[in-house]
Amino acid sequence: MKPILYLLSITFLFFSACKSDGGKFIGSAKPKVETQTLEDTLLAVSHRGISFSNGTSEFLPFAGDTTAIIMVMVRHAEQDTTEEDPVLTEVGQARAERLAAILQDYPVSGIFTNAYIRTVKTVQPTAYQHQQAIQLYQDEEAIPFIQQVLQHQQGRYILIVGRANTVPQMLNELTGETKFSEIDKTDYSNIYMVAVGEGGKAVKVIRALY
């Protein structure tokens, strides 16, 4: 695959500092939250549903809500831990390609990652496939970033890649809970489908494997 950095523009996102609830379009009310943890392997995500390698499928939450925000969120793929800013290993590159295959029919309208090589490389195959620019957020500002997503991404389908600590941080911010702990350093297999609907008053998180 040709390096996507030569094919797609990379846009830096700069967000002003905001309070923990300042960027949410749900206002001050705590959203109704539902989480679902599956040990099934994800096969595909489309604009309406998700399917698994065991032959089962289900509708995406709020699929009929034109103002809902649908997010796919993953940690970066396997990395070469001998480097300071690691690249992906061969296994990690294969996982990045698998992510692109899963999202082939996902109508992605925004791809967001921090500036680390391993996270950018994880989204490159998907960005190339959908001819989408990779938009960068500041890693240390993951919470303000996800608040801005809630404020400005209604009605869109997006992909977000982060790290073992920032992915749970963003999930906790989205749900208003602290049930998502830091991902184990050796675990790269989790994929989260996050849907915010009902005018921001409800959040559903489905965790699967890929």
Protein backbone atom coordinates (compact mmCIF):
# COMPACT_ATOMS: atom_id res chain seq x y z
CA MET A 1 0.00 0.00 0.00
CA LYS A 2 1.29 3.44 -0.85
CA PRO A 3 2.02 5.67 2.13
CA ILE A 4 -1.19 7.53 2.77
CA LEU A 5 0.66 10.56 4.04
CA TYR A 6 1.45 11.33 0.40
CA LEU A 7 -2.13 10.77 -0.73
CA LEU A 8 -4.20 12.43 1.96
CA SER A 9 -3.79 15.68 3.79
CA ILE A 10 -3.33 15.56 7.54
CA THR A 11 -5.17 18.20 9.49
CA PHE A 12 -4.28 19.28 13.01
CA LEU A 13 -7.20 20.00 15.28
CA PHE A 14 -6.80 22.76 17.82
CA PHE A 15 -9.40 22.92 20.58
CA SER A 16 -9.82 25.58 23.20
CA ALA A 17 -9.82 24.41 26.78
CA CYS A 18 -13.27 23.64 28.13
CA LYS A 19 -14.76 22.40 31.36
CA SER A 20 -15.60 18.73 31.76
CA ASP A 21 -19.20 19.31 30.68
CA GLY A 22 -18.71 22.41 28.58
CA GLY A 23 -18.45 20.71 25.19
CA LYS A 24 -21.30 18.26 25.56
CA PHE A 25 -24.48 18.83 23.64
CA ILE A 26 -26.32 16.80 26.30
CA GLY A 27 -26.26 19.76 28.69
CA SER A 28 -25.92 19.11 32.41
CA ALA A 29 -28.12 15.98 32.51
CA LYS A 30 -26.30 12.70 32.90
CA PRO A 31 -26.97 10.51 29.84
CA LYS A 32 -28.74 7.18 30.01
CA VAL A 33 -25.92 4.68 29.53
CA GLU A 34 -25.95 1.08 28.34
CA THR A 35 -22.81 -1.01 27.87
CA GLN A 36 -22.52 -4.40 26.22
CA THR A 37 -19.35 -6.51 26.38
CA LEU A 38 -19.03 -9.27 23.80
CA GLU A 39 -16.36 -11.91 23.31
CA ASP A 40 -17.38 -12.23 19.67
CA THR A 41 -15.10 -11.27 16.79
CA LEU A 42 -16.39 -8.37 14.72
CA LEU A 43 -16.71 -9.05 11.01
CA ALA A 44 -18.23 -5.85 9.59
CA VAL A 45 -19.77 -2.50 10.49
CA SER A 46 -22.19 -0.69 8.19
CA HIS A 47 -24.36 2.40 8.51
CA ARG A 48 -27.11 0.35 10.15
CA GLY A 49 -25.68 -2.77 11.74
CA ILE A 50 -22.78 -4.88 12.91
CA SER A 51 -22.08 -8.52 12.13
CA PHE A 52 -19.83 -11.10 13.74
CA SER A 53 -17.75 -14.00 12.51
CA ASN A 54 -20.09 -16.46 14.32
CA GLY A 55 -22.92 -15.48 11.96
CA THR A 56 -24.84 -13.23 14.36
CA SER A 57 -25.69 -9.59 13.72
CA GLU A 58 -27.57 -6.69 15.27
CA PHE A 59 -28.62 -3.15 14.47
CA LEU A 60 -26.40 -0.26 15.48
CA PRO A 61 -27.92 1.75 18.34
CA PHE A 62 -29.88 4.83 17.20
CA ALA A 63 -29.50 3.77 13.56
CA GLY A 64 -32.65 5.71 12.68
CA ASP A 65 -31.60 8.86 14.53
CA THR A 66 -30.20 11.32 11.98
CA THR A 67 -28.63 13.42 14.76
CA ALA A 68 -26.86 10.49 16.45
CA ILE A 69 -23.07 10.32 16.60
CA ILE A 70 -21.73 6.86 15.74
CA MET A 71 -18.13 6.22 16.74
CA VAL A 72 -15.80 3.29 16.23
CA MET A 73 -12.94 3.53 18.71
CA VAL A 74 -9.80 1.40 18.95
CA ARG A 75 -6.40 1.40 20.52
CA HIS A 76 -3.52 1.45 18.04
CA ALA A 77 -2.40 -1.93 16.71
CA GLU A 78 0.64 -3.96 17.85
CA GLN A 79 3.79 -1.87 18.12
CA ASP A 80 7.54 -2.38 18.09
CA THR A 81 8.27 -1.71 21.76
CA THR A 82 12.01 -1.33 21.17
CA GLU A 83 11.54 2.12 19.63
CA GLU A 84 10.83 5.46 21.29
CA ASP A 85 7.95 6.34 18.94
CA PRO A 86 7.16 2.83 17.76
CA VAL A 87 6.05 1.75 14.32
CA LEU A 88 3.68 -1.18 13.87
CA THR A 89 4.94 -4.72 13.80
CA GLU A 90 3.91 -7.05 10.97
CA VAL A 91 1.13 -8.32 13.22
CA GLY A 92 0.07 -4.74 13.92
CA GLN A 93 0.02 -3.86 10.23
CA ALA A 94 -2.16 -6.91 9.59
CA ARG A 95 -4.54 -5.73 12.30
CA ALA A 96 -4.69 -2.26 10.71
CA GLU A 97 -5.60 -3.90 7.40
CA ARG A 98 -8.24 -5.98 9.18
CA LEU A 99 -9.74 -2.83 10.68
CA ALA A 100 -10.05 -1.37 7.17
CA ALA A 101 -11.78 -4.54 5.98
CA ILE A 102 -14.24 -4.40 8.88
CA LEU A 103 -15.04 -0.77 8.09
CA GLN A 104 -15.31 -1.23 4.32
CA ASP A 105 -19.05 -0.44 4.38
CA TYR A 106 -18.91 1.97 7.31
CA PRO A 107 -19.78 5.45 5.93
CA VAL A 108 -16.91 7.14 7.74
CA SER A 109 -17.00 10.93 7.57
CA GLY A 110 -14.17 11.67 9.98
CA ILE A 111 -10.97 9.88 11.02
CA PHE A 112 -9.21 11.12 14.15
CA THR A 113 -5.98 10.09 15.83
CA ASN A 114 -3.11 11.56 17.81
CA ALA A 115 0.22 12.20 16.13
CA TYR A 116 2.09 9.09 17.25
CA ILE A 117 3.38 6.95 14.38
CA ARG A 118 1.67 3.81 15.68
CA THR A 119 -1.77 5.43 15.82
CA VAL A 120 -1.45 7.11 12.42
CA LYS A 121 -0.30 3.83 10.87
CA THR A 122 -3.31 2.07 12.41
CA VAL A 123 -5.77 4.31 10.54
CA GLN A 124 -3.85 4.62 7.27
CA PRO A 125 -5.49 1.64 5.50
CA THR A 126 -8.98 2.83 6.46
CA ALA A 127 -8.23 6.42 5.46
CA TYR A 128 -6.85 5.28 2.12
CA GLN A 129 -9.85 3.05 1.50
CA HIS A 130 -12.36 5.84 2.17
CA GLN A 131 -10.18 8.64 0.74
CA GLN A 132 -10.49 10.52 4.02
CA ALA A 133 -7.97 12.90 5.56
CA ILE A 134 -6.46 11.85 8.87
CA GLN A 135 -7.26 14.54 11.42
CA LEU A 136 -4.96 14.86 14.42
CA TYR A 137 -5.85 15.75 17.98
CA GLN A 138 -3.42 16.50 20.78
CA ASP A 139 -2.84 13.31 22.80
CA GLU A 140 -2.77 15.16 26.12
CA GLU A 141 -6.11 16.80 25.26
CA ALA A 142 -8.13 13.64 24.63
CA ILE A 143 -10.91 14.77 26.97
CA PRO A 144 -11.38 18.24 25.40
CA PHE A 145 -11.22 16.53 22.00
CA ILE A 146 -14.03 14.07 22.76
CA GLN A 147 -16.10 16.93 24.19
CA GLN A 148 -15.70 18.75 20.88
CA VAL A 149 -16.77 15.60 19.05
CA LEU A 150 -20.02 15.65 21.04
CA GLN A 151 -20.49 19.29 20.20
CA HIS A 152 -19.77 19.22 16.47
CA GLN A 153 -20.15 15.70 15.03
CA GLN A 154 -23.91 15.09 15.24
CA GLY A 155 -25.20 12.88 12.45
CA ARG A 156 -21.75 11.63 11.52
CA TYR A 157 -19.94 8.28 11.52
CA ILE A 158 -16.38 8.59 12.75
CA LEU A 159 -13.31 6.53 13.62
CA ILE A 160 -11.12 7.43 16.60
CA VAL A 161 -7.78 5.83 17.45
CA GLY A 162 -6.01 6.38 20.74
CA ARG A 163 -3.71 4.73 23.25
CA ALA A 164 -4.15 2.25 26.10
CA ASN A 165 -4.91 5.08 28.53
CA THR A 166 -6.69 7.64 26.35
CA VAL A 167 -9.29 5.28 24.86
CA PRO A 168 -10.72 4.44 28.32
CA GLN A 169 -10.50 8.11 29.29
CA MET A 170 -12.63 9.09 26.30
CA LEU A 171 -15.10 6.25 26.92
CA ASN A 172 -15.50 7.34 30.55
CA GLU A 173 -16.06 10.93 29.46
CA LEU A 174 -18.69 9.88 26.92
CA THR A 175 -20.61 7.75 29.41
CA GLY A 176 -20.12 9.91 32.52
CA GLU A 177 -18.87 6.81 34.34
CA THR A 178 -15.48 5.39 35.38
CA LYS A 179 -16.03 1.75 34.48
CA PHE A 180 -13.46 1.65 31.67
CA SER A 181 -9.98 1.01 33.04
CA GLU A 182 -6.65 1.34 31.24
CA ILE A 183 -6.22 -1.32 28.56
CA ASP A 184 -3.61 -3.96 29.29
CA LYS A 185 -0.37 -3.14 27.48
CA THR A 186 -0.44 -6.49 25.65
CA ASP A 187 -4.08 -6.23 24.53
CA TYR A 188 -4.72 -4.78 21.07
CA SER A 189 -7.91 -6.67 20.22
CA ASN A 190 -10.69 -4.46 21.59
CA ILE A 191 -12.97 -2.46 19.32
CA TYR A 192 -15.72 -0.22 20.67
CA MET A 193 -18.87 0.91 18.89
CA VAL A 194 -20.14 4.00 20.65
CA ALA A 195 -23.48 5.60 19.80
CA VAL A 196 -24.77 8.88 21.25
CA GLY A 197 -28.41 9.52 20.44
CA GLU A 198 -31.72 10.93 21.64
CA GLY A 199 -30.32 14.44 21.48
CA GLY A 200 -27.30 13.37 23.48
CA LYS A 201 -29.42 11.94 26.29
CA ALA A 202 -28.45 8.30 25.71
CA VAL A 203 -25.12 6.55 25.15
CA LYS A 204 -24.59 2.92 24.23
CA VAL A 205 -21.19 1.22 24.08
CA ILE A 206 -20.66 -2.20 22.49
CA ARG A 207 -17.25 -3.75 23.03
CA ALA A 208 -16.20 -6.61 20.76
CA LEU A 209 -12.97 -8.15 19.46
CA TYR A 210 -11.23 -7.75 16.11
